Amino acid sequence: MKRSLSEEKNNTVGSICKVLIPFSERKPLEEIERLIVKGFRKKIWKQFVKAIDEYSLVKNGDKIAVAISGGKDSILMAKLFQELKRYGKMNIELEFIVMDPGYNENIKKLLIDNCKYLNIPIKIFESGIFRIIDDIAKENPCYMCAKMRRGALYSKAKELGCNKLALGHHFNDVIETTLLNIFYSGNFKTMLPKLKSTNFENIELIRPMYFIREEHIERFIQISGILPIDCACMVAAKKISSKRYEMKELIKKLKTNFKNVDKSIFSAAQNVNMDAILGWEKGGKKYSFLDFYDKE
């Protein structure tokens, strides 16, 4: 009998919860926190602060909903915000929210145990997204799943009185998204460090890990001995039909001949020459270079 997508997802815990250091060897909490601001100061902590400063992501008086999926990125982001509150000079409030899309009990327990060990006071709420996706988007679930997750997180952030929602997207996510848009959508569009919600008034989405590379996140998690979860998705676990995974592999191949190709892709999004492109879109309106050609 064929299993549903949610059943497949919930049976991937054994394959997705893997790091190089066994879970039983995780470091003491004090040592993990010291790693963030000292051991990985240049590659993680300073990059976190740089994104906040450069893009004005956090300001005095902000109440930030820090979204935690239980994966390596969001776990680190939660600890980074705790360190920012501890050592930073800004007066901010933090709410650590966990949206449960329908994890099985083993995955959920691992997530809760990790957050408890790391002293992250989470607030869990259920959404039933895995079950809904089974019904409405069986063939191509990833896009709809991501969209529904985002909506659920926005809604919870608003309920808690937050004015910002922080997601754990990092440097690699940015360049992969840029390439995905070029190859599969036929447009040049990237993942912005912050944006205003169109459906939830007065809430801003921020990505404070914008400059942090995935390899450094992975290394931090391995040294810490923390066992994170992935999205508990069949596609993520088996790495099949995943366009984002294809982009990861493509960038890896390109880097064999051009070491800094990832930097170039990232830089391209902030060095767009409007005098040398065929067309662009601004505020929902499309423009062509011809609109301005005879006016110059």
C-alpha atoms as a PDB file:
ATOM      1  CA  MET A   1       0.000   0.000   0.000  1.00  0.00           C
ATOM      2  CA  LYS A   2       1.368   3.401  -0.996  1.00  0.00           C
ATOM      3  CA  ARG A   3       2.211   5.679   1.922  1.00  0.00           C
ATOM      4  CA  SER A   4       1.132   9.314   1.986  1.00  0.00           C
ATOM      5  CA  LEU A   5       3.659  12.140   1.780  1.00  0.00           C
ATOM      6  CA  SER A   6       3.294  12.921   5.485  1.00  0.00           C
ATOM      7  CA  GLU A   7       3.993   9.270   6.350  1.00  0.00           C
ATOM      8  CA  GLU A   8       7.111   9.377   4.176  1.00  0.00           C
ATOM      9  CA  LYS A   9       8.223  12.566   5.887  1.00  0.00           C
ATOM     10  CA  ASN A  10       7.747  11.191   9.357  1.00  0.00           C
ATOM     11  CA  ASN A  11       9.747   8.055   8.533  1.00  0.00           C
ATOM     12  CA  THR A  12      12.888   9.977   7.541  1.00  0.00           C
ATOM     13  CA  VAL A  13      14.099  10.821  11.052  1.00  0.00           C
ATOM     14  CA  GLY A  14      16.809   8.155  10.933  1.00  0.00           C
ATOM     15  CA  SER A  15      18.250   9.453   7.694  1.00  0.00           C
ATOM     16  CA  ILE A  16      18.103  13.209   8.295  1.00  0.00           C
ATOM     17  CA  CYS A  17      19.328  13.486  11.872  1.00  0.00           C
ATOM     18  CA  LYS A  18      23.009  12.979  11.138  1.00  0.00           C
ATOM     19  CA  VAL A  19      26.099  14.952  12.139  1.00  0.00           C
ATOM     20  CA  LEU A  20      29.701  13.866  12.458  1.00  0.00           C
ATOM     21  CA  ILE A  21      29.791  14.067  16.269  1.00  0.00           C
ATOM     22  CA  PRO A  22      27.420  11.744  18.194  1.00  0.00           C
ATOM     23  CA  PHE A  23      24.554  13.382  20.064  1.00  0.00           C
ATOM     24  CA  SER A  24      25.852  12.048  23.397  1.00  0.00           C
ATOM     25  CA  GLU A  25      29.043  14.065  22.985  1.00  0.00           C
ATOM     26  CA  ARG A  26      27.479  17.502  22.844  1.00  0.00           C
ATOM     27  CA  LYS A  27      29.427  20.227  24.575  1.00  0.00           C
ATOM     28  CA  PRO A  28      28.322  21.936  27.799  1.00  0.00           C
ATOM     29  CA  LEU A  29      26.036  24.913  27.181  1.00  0.00           C
ATOM     30  CA  GLU A  30      28.604  27.444  28.415  1.00  0.00           C
ATOM     31  CA  GLU A  31      31.161  26.084  25.957  1.00  0.00           C
ATOM     32  CA  ILE A  32      28.691  26.201  23.060  1.00  0.00           C
ATOM     33  CA  GLU A  33      27.861  29.824  23.817  1.00  0.00           C
ATOM     34  CA  ARG A  34      31.556  30.668  24.087  1.00  0.00           C
ATOM     35  CA  LEU A  35      32.147  29.068  20.671  1.00  0.00           C
ATOM     36  CA  ILE A  36      29.720  31.529  19.090  1.00  0.00           C
ATOM     37  CA  VAL A  37      31.386  34.733  20.283  1.00  0.00           C
ATOM     38  CA  LYS A  38      34.977  33.479  20.452  1.00  0.00           C
ATOM     39  CA  GLY A  39      35.716  30.265  18.510  1.00  0.00           C
ATOM     40  CA  PHE A  40      33.546  31.329  15.537  1.00  0.00           C
ATOM     41  CA  ARG A  41      33.776  35.053  16.172  1.00  0.00           C
ATOM     42  CA  LYS A  42      35.003  35.997  12.682  1.00  0.00           C
ATOM     43  CA  LYS A  43      33.036  33.485  10.612  1.00  0.00           C
ATOM     44  CA  ILE A  44      29.713  33.554  12.455  1.00  0.00           C
ATOM     45  CA  TRP A  45      29.311  36.193  15.164  1.00  0.00           C
ATOM     46  CA  LYS A  46      30.822  39.114  13.217  1.00  0.00           C
ATOM     47  CA  GLN A  47      28.874  38.158  10.087  1.00  0.00           C
ATOM     48  CA  PHE A  48      25.654  38.143  12.113  1.00  0.00           C
ATOM     49  CA  VAL A  49      26.372  41.591  13.541  1.00  0.00           C
ATOM     50  CA  LYS A  50      27.477  42.867  10.118  1.00  0.00           C
ATOM     51  CA  ALA A  51      24.147  41.954   8.505  1.00  0.00           C
ATOM     52  CA  ILE A  52      22.215  43.589  11.354  1.00  0.00           C
ATOM     53  CA  ASP A  53      24.248  46.797  11.050  1.00  0.00           C
ATOM     54  CA  GLU A  54      24.516  46.954   7.262  1.00  0.00           C
ATOM     55  CA  TYR A  55      20.832  46.360   6.581  1.00  0.00           C
ATOM     56  CA  SER A  56      19.370  47.882   9.791  1.00  0.00           C
ATOM     57  CA  LEU A  57      17.665  44.607  10.680  1.00  0.00           C
ATOM     58  CA  VAL A  58      17.297  45.187  14.424  1.00  0.00           C
ATOM     59  CA  LYS A  59      16.502  48.406  16.284  1.00  0.00           C
ATOM     60  CA  ASN A  60      15.836  49.455  19.854  1.00  0.00           C
ATOM     61  CA  GLY A  61      12.345  48.497  20.975  1.00  0.00           C
ATOM     62  CA  ASP A  62      11.948  45.631  18.500  1.00  0.00           C
ATOM     63  CA  LYS A  63      10.039  42.554  19.556  1.00  0.00           C
ATOM     64  CA  ILE A  64      11.369  39.757  17.381  1.00  0.00           C
ATOM     65  CA  ALA A  65       9.792  36.376  16.710  1.00  0.00           C
ATOM     66  CA  VAL A  66      12.724  34.022  16.115  1.00  0.00           C
ATOM     67  CA  ALA A  67      11.447  31.111  14.023  1.00  0.00           C
ATOM     68  CA  ILE A  68      12.935  27.744  14.991  1.00  0.00           C
ATOM     69  CA  SER A  69      12.462  24.669  12.825  1.00  0.00           C
ATOM     70  CA  GLY A  70      14.894  22.539  14.804  1.00  0.00           C
ATOM     71  CA  GLY A  71      17.448  22.548  11.992  1.00  0.00           C
ATOM     72  CA  LYS A  72      21.057  23.696  12.233  1.00  0.00           C
ATOM     73  CA  ASP A  73      20.405  27.199  10.873  1.00  0.00           C
ATOM     74  CA  SER A  74      17.536  28.192  13.128  1.00  0.00           C
ATOM     75  CA  ILE A  75      19.141  26.675  16.244  1.00  0.00           C
ATOM     76  CA  LEU A  76      22.257  28.753  15.687  1.00  0.00           C
ATOM     77  CA  MET A  77      20.165  31.849  14.915  1.00  0.00           C
ATOM     78  CA  ALA A  78      18.328  31.488  18.225  1.00  0.00           C
ATOM     79  CA  LYS A  79      21.617  31.348  20.132  1.00  0.00           C
ATOM     80  CA  LEU A  80      22.975  34.318  18.157  1.00  0.00           C
ATOM     81  CA  PHE A  81      19.985  36.414  19.179  1.00  0.00           C
ATOM     82  CA  GLN A  82      20.450  35.407  22.802  1.00  0.00           C
ATOM     83  CA  GLU A  83      24.071  36.509  22.628  1.00  0.00           C
ATOM     84  CA  LEU A  84      23.028  39.754  20.926  1.00  0.00           C
ATOM     85  CA  LYS A  85      20.598  40.478  23.758  1.00  0.00           C
ATOM     86  CA  ARG A  86      23.280  39.606  26.312  1.00  0.00           C
ATOM     87  CA  TYR A  87      26.166  41.595  24.834  1.00  0.00           C
ATOM     88  CA  GLY A  88      24.465  44.091  22.530  1.00  0.00           C
ATOM     89  CA  LYS A  89      23.484  47.582  23.529  1.00  0.00           C
ATOM     90  CA  MET A  90      20.000  47.382  22.020  1.00  0.00           C
ATOM     91  CA  ASN A  91      16.847  46.959  24.047  1.00  0.00           C
ATOM     92  CA  ILE A  92      14.964  44.125  22.313  1.00  0.00           C
ATOM     93  CA  GLU A  93      12.465  41.408  23.227  1.00  0.00           C
ATOM     94  CA  LEU A  94      12.661  37.875  21.840  1.00  0.00           C
ATOM     95  CA  GLU A  95      10.003  35.235  21.273  1.00  0.00           C
ATOM     96  CA  PHE A  96      11.267  31.835  20.124  1.00  0.00           C
ATOM     97  CA  ILE A  97       8.494  30.190  18.125  1.00  0.00           C
ATOM     98  CA  VAL A  98       8.293  26.642  16.773  1.00  0.00           C
ATOM     99  CA  MET A  99       5.699  25.795  14.170  1.00  0.00           C
ATOM    100  CA  ASP A 100       4.966  22.056  14.206  1.00  0.00           C
ATOM    101  CA  PRO A 101       3.812  21.107  10.681  1.00  0.00           C
ATOM    102  CA  GLY A 102       3.080  17.533  11.755  1.00  0.00           C
ATOM    103  CA  TYR A 103       6.359  16.036  12.973  1.00  0.00           C
ATOM    104  CA  ASN A 104       6.288  12.535  14.381  1.00  0.00           C
ATOM    105  CA  GLU A 105       6.945  12.227  18.097  1.00  0.00           C
ATOM    106  CA  ASN A 106      10.636  11.281  17.756  1.00  0.00           C
ATOM    107  CA  ILE A 107      11.441  14.351  15.690  1.00  0.00           C
ATOM    108  CA  LYS A 108       9.402  16.635  17.923  1.00  0.00           C
ATOM    109  CA  LYS A 109      11.060  15.235  21.052  1.00  0.00           C
ATOM    110  CA  LEU A 110      14.529  15.797  19.585  1.00  0.00           C
ATOM    111  CA  LEU A 111      13.638  19.399  18.766  1.00  0.00           C
ATOM    112  CA  ILE A 112      12.304  20.054  22.270  1.00  0.00           C
ATOM    113  CA  ASP A 113      15.271  18.330  23.947  1.00  0.00           C
ATOM    114  CA  ASN A 114      17.750  20.392  21.910  1.00  0.00           C
ATOM    115  CA  CYS A 115      16.063  23.668  22.788  1.00  0.00           C
ATOM    116  CA  LYS A 116      15.808  22.733  26.451  1.00  0.00           C
ATOM    117  CA  TYR A 117      19.502  21.805  26.575  1.00  0.00           C
ATOM    118  CA  LEU A 118      20.450  25.052  24.817  1.00  0.00           C
ATOM    119  CA  ASN A 119      18.247  27.105  27.147  1.00  0.00           C
ATOM    120  CA  ILE A 120      16.020  28.362  24.324  1.00  0.00           C
ATOM    121  CA  PRO A 121      12.503  29.004  25.768  1.00  0.00           C
ATOM    122  CA  ILE A 122      10.340  27.948  22.836  1.00  0.00           C
ATOM    123  CA  LYS A 123       6.630  28.334  22.228  1.00  0.00           C
ATOM    124  CA  ILE A 124       5.283  25.477  20.094  1.00  0.00           C
ATOM    125  CA  PHE A 125       2.121  25.682  18.034  1.00  0.00           C
ATOM    126  CA  GLU A 126       0.666  23.160  15.600  1.00  0.00           C
ATOM    127  CA  SER A 127      -0.323  23.902  12.016  1.00  0.00           C
ATOM    128  CA  GLY A 128      -1.061  20.495  10.449  1.00  0.00           C
ATOM    129  CA  ILE A 129       0.657  21.635   7.252  1.00  0.00           C
ATOM    130  CA  PHE A 130       2.012  18.191   6.309  1.00  0.00           C
ATOM    131  CA  ARG A 131      -1.523  16.778   6.336  1.00  0.00           C
ATOM    132  CA  ILE A 132      -2.905  19.702   4.319  1.00  0.00           C
ATOM    133  CA  ILE A 133      -0.118  19.425   1.738  1.00  0.00           C
ATOM    134  CA  ASP A 134      -0.980  15.739   1.290  1.00  0.00           C
ATOM    135  CA  ASP A 135      -4.469  16.792   0.229  1.00  0.00           C
ATOM    136  CA  ILE A 136      -3.769  19.796  -1.992  1.00  0.00           C
ATOM    137  CA  ALA A 137      -0.229  19.546  -3.369  1.00  0.00           C
ATOM    138  CA  LYS A 138       0.924  15.957  -3.616  1.00  0.00           C
ATOM    139  CA  GLU A 139       2.837  16.371  -6.876  1.00  0.00           C
ATOM    140  CA  ASN A 140       4.861  19.484  -6.021  1.00  0.00           C
ATOM    141  CA  PRO A 141       4.613  20.080  -2.268  1.00  0.00           C
ATOM    142  CA  CYS A 142       7.721  22.183  -1.550  1.00  0.00           C
ATOM    143  CA  TYR A 143       6.490  25.574  -2.773  1.00  0.00           C
ATOM    144  CA  MET A 144       3.098  25.316  -1.097  1.00  0.00           C
ATOM    145  CA  CYS A 145       4.636  23.959   2.110  1.00  0.00           C
ATOM    146  CA  ALA A 146       7.086  26.873   2.337  1.00  0.00           C
ATOM    147  CA  LYS A 147       4.333  29.394   1.642  1.00  0.00           C
ATOM    148  CA  MET A 148       2.035  27.950   4.295  1.00  0.00           C
ATOM    149  CA  ARG A 149       4.844  27.729   6.870  1.00  0.00           C
ATOM    150  CA  ARG A 150       5.641  31.412   6.299  1.00  0.00           C
ATOM    151  CA  GLY A 151       1.997  32.384   6.752  1.00  0.00           C
ATOM    152  CA  ALA A 152       1.702  30.391   9.974  1.00  0.00           C
ATOM    153  CA  LEU A 153       4.852  32.014  11.387  1.00  0.00           C
ATOM    154  CA  TYR A 154       3.675  35.517  10.461  1.00  0.00           C
ATOM    155  CA  SER A 155       0.339  34.847  12.121  1.00  0.00           C
ATOM    156  CA  LYS A 156       1.966  33.635  15.350  1.00  0.00           C
ATOM    157  CA  ALA A 157       4.386  36.581  15.387  1.00  0.00           C
ATOM    158  CA  LYS A 158       1.470  38.996  15.091  1.00  0.00           C
ATOM    159  CA  GLU A 159      -0.434  37.162  17.826  1.00  0.00           C
ATOM    160  CA  LEU A 160       2.553  37.598  20.172  1.00  0.00           C
ATOM    161  CA  GLY A 161       2.794  41.309  19.409  1.00  0.00           C
ATOM    162  CA  CYS A 162       6.056  41.079  17.466  1.00  0.00           C
ATOM    163  CA  ASN A 163       7.022  43.593  14.816  1.00  0.00           C
ATOM    164  CA  LYS A 164       9.668  41.387  13.219  1.00  0.00           C
ATOM    165  CA  LEU A 165       9.969  37.746  12.173  1.00  0.00           C
ATOM    166  CA  ALA A 166      13.510  36.345  11.893  1.00  0.00           C
ATOM    167  CA  LEU A 167      14.270  33.428   9.558  1.00  0.00           C
ATOM    168  CA  GLY A 168      17.520  31.466   9.384  1.00  0.00           C
ATOM    169  CA  HIS A 169      18.374  31.813   5.700  1.00  0.00           C
ATOM    170  CA  HIS A 170      22.114  32.112   5.127  1.00  0.00           C
ATOM    171  CA  PHE A 171      24.614  33.164   2.424  1.00  0.00           C
ATOM    172  CA  ASN A 172      24.274  29.910   0.461  1.00  0.00           C
ATOM    173  CA  ASP A 173      20.481  30.177   0.449  1.00  0.00           C
ATOM    174  CA  VAL A 174      20.817  33.621  -1.122  1.00  0.00           C
ATOM    175  CA  ILE A 175      23.002  32.570  -4.054  1.00  0.00           C
ATOM    176  CA  GLU A 176      21.051  29.352  -4.625  1.00  0.00           C
ATOM    177  CA  THR A 177      17.812  31.337  -4.780  1.00  0.00           C
ATOM    178  CA  THR A 178      19.375  33.747  -7.273  1.00  0.00           C
ATOM    179  CA  LEU A 179      20.352  30.880  -9.583  1.00  0.00           C
ATOM    180  CA  LEU A 180      16.979  29.146  -9.163  1.00  0.00           C
ATOM    181  CA  ASN A 181      15.240  32.297 -10.370  1.00  0.00           C
ATOM    182  CA  ILE A 182      17.576  32.648 -13.355  1.00  0.00           C
ATOM    183  CA  PHE A 183      17.387  29.018 -14.495  1.00  0.00           C
ATOM    184  CA  TYR A 184      13.810  28.083 -13.645  1.00  0.00           C
ATOM    185  CA  SER A 185      11.829  31.349 -13.491  1.00  0.00           C
ATOM    186  CA  GLY A 186      13.597  33.340 -16.176  1.00  0.00           C
ATOM    187  CA  ASN A 187      14.123  36.398 -13.986  1.00  0.00           C
ATOM    188  CA  PHE A 188      16.877  37.991 -11.943  1.00  0.00           C
ATOM    189  CA  LYS A 189      15.621  38.073  -8.386  1.00  0.00           C
ATOM    190  CA  THR A 190      17.342  37.297  -5.120  1.00  0.00           C
ATOM    191  CA  MET A 191      16.472  36.701  -1.465  1.00  0.00           C
ATOM    192  CA  LEU A 192      16.443  40.068   0.318  1.00  0.00           C
ATOM    193  CA  PRO A 193      17.845  40.575   3.854  1.00  0.00           C
ATOM    194  CA  LYS A 194      14.554  42.133   4.912  1.00  0.00           C
ATOM    195  CA  LEU A 195      11.105  42.796   3.509  1.00  0.00           C
ATOM    196  CA  LYS A 196       7.757  44.100   4.699  1.00  0.00           C
ATOM    197  CA  SER A 197       4.890  41.637   4.879  1.00  0.00           C
ATOM    198  CA  THR A 198       2.109  42.342   2.395  1.00  0.00           C
ATOM    199  CA  ASN A 199      -0.487  40.318   4.323  1.00  0.00           C
ATOM    200  CA  PHE A 200       0.420  41.076   7.936  1.00  0.00           C
ATOM    201  CA  GLU A 201       0.475  44.766   8.725  1.00  0.00           C
ATOM    202  CA  ASN A 202       3.470  46.228  10.584  1.00  0.00           C
ATOM    203  CA  ILE A 203       5.518  43.015  10.510  1.00  0.00           C
ATOM    204  CA  GLU A 204       8.894  42.859   8.829  1.00  0.00           C
ATOM    205  CA  LEU A 205      10.727  39.671   7.863  1.00  0.00           C
ATOM    206  CA  ILE A 206      14.476  39.751   8.562  1.00  0.00           C
ATOM    207  CA  ARG A 207      17.348  37.405   7.671  1.00  0.00           C
ATOM    208  CA  PRO A 208      20.232  38.180  10.064  1.00  0.00           C
ATOM    209  CA  MET A 209      22.320  35.185   8.903  1.00  0.00           C
ATOM    210  CA  TYR A 210      22.567  36.698   5.428  1.00  0.00           C
ATOM    211  CA  PHE A 211      26.390  36.784   5.389  1.00  0.00           C
ATOM    212  CA  ILE A 212      27.023  33.480   7.219  1.00  0.00           C
ATOM    213  CA  ARG A 213      28.179  30.576   5.063  1.00  0.00           C
ATOM    214  CA  GLU A 214      26.558  27.179   5.453  1.00  0.00           C
ATOM    215  CA  GLU A 215      29.903  25.408   5.855  1.00  0.00           C
ATOM    216  CA  HIS A 216      30.635  27.423   9.006  1.00  0.00           C
ATOM    217  CA  ILE A 217      27.173  26.679  10.416  1.00  0.00           C
ATOM    218  CA  GLU A 218      27.727  22.971   9.805  1.00  0.00           C
ATOM    219  CA  ARG A 219      31.142  23.076  11.449  1.00  0.00           C
ATOM    220  CA  PHE A 220      29.785  24.899  14.489  1.00  0.00           C
ATOM    221  CA  ILE A 221      27.001  22.329  14.887  1.00  0.00           C
ATOM    222  CA  GLN A 222      29.471  19.449  14.540  1.00  0.00           C
ATOM    223  CA  ILE A 223      31.881  20.839  17.117  1.00  0.00           C
ATOM    224  CA  SER A 224      29.004  21.620  19.488  1.00  0.00           C
ATOM    225  CA  GLY A 225      27.778  18.038  19.229  1.00  0.00           C
ATOM    226  CA  ILE A 226      24.202  19.203  18.668  1.00  0.00           C
ATOM    227  CA  LEU A 227      21.986  16.835  16.668  1.00  0.00           C
ATOM    228  CA  PRO A 228      19.643  19.011  14.566  1.00  0.00           C
ATOM    229  CA  ILE A 229      16.704  17.906  12.474  1.00  0.00           C
ATOM    230  CA  ASP A 230      16.052  18.775   8.851  1.00  0.00           C
ATOM    231  CA  CYS A 231      12.605  19.726   7.562  1.00  0.00           C
ATOM    232  CA  ALA A 232      11.538  16.050   7.959  1.00  0.00           C
ATOM    233  CA  CYS A 233      10.616  16.083   4.300  1.00  0.00           C
ATOM    234  CA  MET A 234      11.048  13.116   1.975  1.00  0.00           C
ATOM    235  CA  VAL A 235      12.522  15.357  -0.726  1.00  0.00           C
ATOM    236  CA  ALA A 236      15.087  16.878   1.636  1.00  0.00           C
ATOM    237  CA  ALA A 237      16.047  13.488   3.019  1.00  0.00           C
ATOM    238  CA  LYS A 238      16.505  11.639  -0.271  1.00  0.00           C
ATOM    239  CA  LYS A 239      17.735  14.656  -2.245  1.00  0.00           C
ATOM    240  CA  ILE A 240      15.518  13.820  -5.208  1.00  0.00           C
ATOM    241  CA  SER A 241      13.549  16.269  -7.352  1.00  0.00           C
ATOM    242  CA  SER A 242      15.115  19.094  -5.381  1.00  0.00           C
ATOM    243  CA  LYS A 243      16.009  22.063  -7.567  1.00  0.00           C
ATOM    244  CA  ARG A 244      17.796  23.735  -4.669  1.00  0.00           C
ATOM    245  CA  TYR A 245      19.983  20.662  -4.259  1.00  0.00           C
ATOM    246  CA  GLU A 246      20.794  20.867  -7.974  1.00  0.00           C
ATOM    247  CA  MET A 247      21.954  24.467  -7.456  1.00  0.00           C
ATOM    248  CA  LYS A 248      24.168  23.379  -4.540  1.00  0.00           C
ATOM    249  CA  GLU A 249      25.839  20.805  -6.751  1.00  0.00           C
ATOM    250  CA  LEU A 250      26.202  23.252  -9.641  1.00  0.00           C
ATOM    251  CA  ILE A 251      27.901  25.872  -7.437  1.00  0.00           C
ATOM    252  CA  LYS A 252      30.187  23.206  -6.027  1.00  0.00           C
ATOM    253  CA  LYS A 253      31.275  22.225  -9.551  1.00  0.00           C
ATOM    254  CA  LEU A 254      31.779  25.835 -10.614  1.00  0.00           C
ATOM    255  CA  LYS A 255      33.983  26.474  -7.593  1.00  0.00           C
ATOM    256  CA  THR A 256      36.487  23.867  -8.793  1.00  0.00           C
ATOM    257  CA  ASN A 257      37.535  26.255 -11.597  1.00  0.00           C
ATOM    258  CA  PHE A 258      36.473  29.575 -10.083  1.00  0.00           C
ATOM    259  CA  LYS A 259      36.987  29.630  -6.331  1.00  0.00           C
ATOM    260  CA  ASN A 260      35.031  32.821  -5.684  1.00  0.00           C
ATOM    261  CA  VAL A 261      32.081  32.171  -7.974  1.00  0.00           C
ATOM    262  CA  ASP A 262      29.704  32.227  -5.002  1.00  0.00           C
ATOM    263  CA  LYS A 263      30.940  35.695  -4.037  1.00  0.00           C
ATOM    264  CA  SER A 264      30.410  36.888  -7.604  1.00  0.00           C
ATOM    265  CA  ILE A 265      26.837  35.580  -7.689  1.00  0.00           C
ATOM    266  CA  PHE A 266      26.118  37.283  -4.372  1.00  0.00           C
ATOM    267  CA  SER A 267      27.708  40.557  -5.516  1.00  0.00           C
ATOM    268  CA  ALA A 268      25.807  40.546  -8.812  1.00  0.00           C
ATOM    269  CA  ALA A 269      22.555  41.237  -6.978  1.00  0.00           C
ATOM    270  CA  GLN A 270      23.916  44.451  -5.490  1.00  0.00           C
ATOM    271  CA  ASN A 271      25.734  45.630  -8.632  1.00  0.00           C
ATOM    272  CA  VAL A 272      22.948  45.686 -11.195  1.00  0.00           C
ATOM    273  CA  ASN A 273      23.621  48.207 -13.977  1.00  0.00           C
ATOM    274  CA  MET A 274      20.212  49.568 -14.937  1.00  0.00           C
ATOM    275  CA  ASP A 275      21.691  51.032 -18.154  1.00  0.00           C
ATOM    276  CA  ALA A 276      22.645  47.583 -19.428  1.00  0.00           C
ATOM    277  CA  ILE A 277      19.599  45.370 -18.890  1.00  0.00           C
ATOM    278  CA  LEU A 278      16.644  44.703 -21.175  1.00  0.00           C
ATOM    279  CA  GLY A 279      13.887  45.169 -18.646  1.00  0.00           C
ATOM    280  CA  TRP A 280      12.958  45.350 -14.985  1.00  0.00           C
ATOM    281  CA  GLU A 281       9.978  45.485 -12.665  1.00  0.00           C
ATOM    282  CA  LYS A 282       9.345  48.027  -9.923  1.00  0.00           C
ATOM    283  CA  GLY A 283       6.248  48.329  -7.770  1.00  0.00           C
ATOM    284  CA  GLY A 284       4.374  45.803  -9.897  1.00  0.00           C
ATOM    285  CA  LYS A 285       5.001  47.752 -13.096  1.00  0.00           C
ATOM    286  CA  LYS A 286       7.250  46.446 -15.872  1.00  0.00           C
ATOM    287  CA  TYR A 287       9.729  48.626 -17.719  1.00  0.00           C
ATOM    288  CA  SER A 288      11.818  48.161 -20.880  1.00  0.00           C
ATOM    289  CA  PHE A 289      15.084  49.844 -21.775  1.00  0.00           C
ATOM    290  CA  LEU A 290      13.181  51.137 -24.819  1.00  0.00           C
ATOM    291  CA  ASP A 291      10.996  53.250 -22.510  1.00  0.00           C
ATOM    292  CA  PHE A 292      14.033  55.392 -21.846  1.00  0.00           C
ATOM    293  CA  TYR A 293      16.129  54.828 -24.970  1.00  0.00           C
ATOM    294  CA  ASP A 294      15.091  57.923 -26.949  1.00  0.00           C
ATOM    295  CA  LYS A 295      14.863  60.146 -23.850  1.00  0.00           C
ATOM    296  CA  GLU A 296      18.574  60.118 -23.157  1.00  0.00           C
END
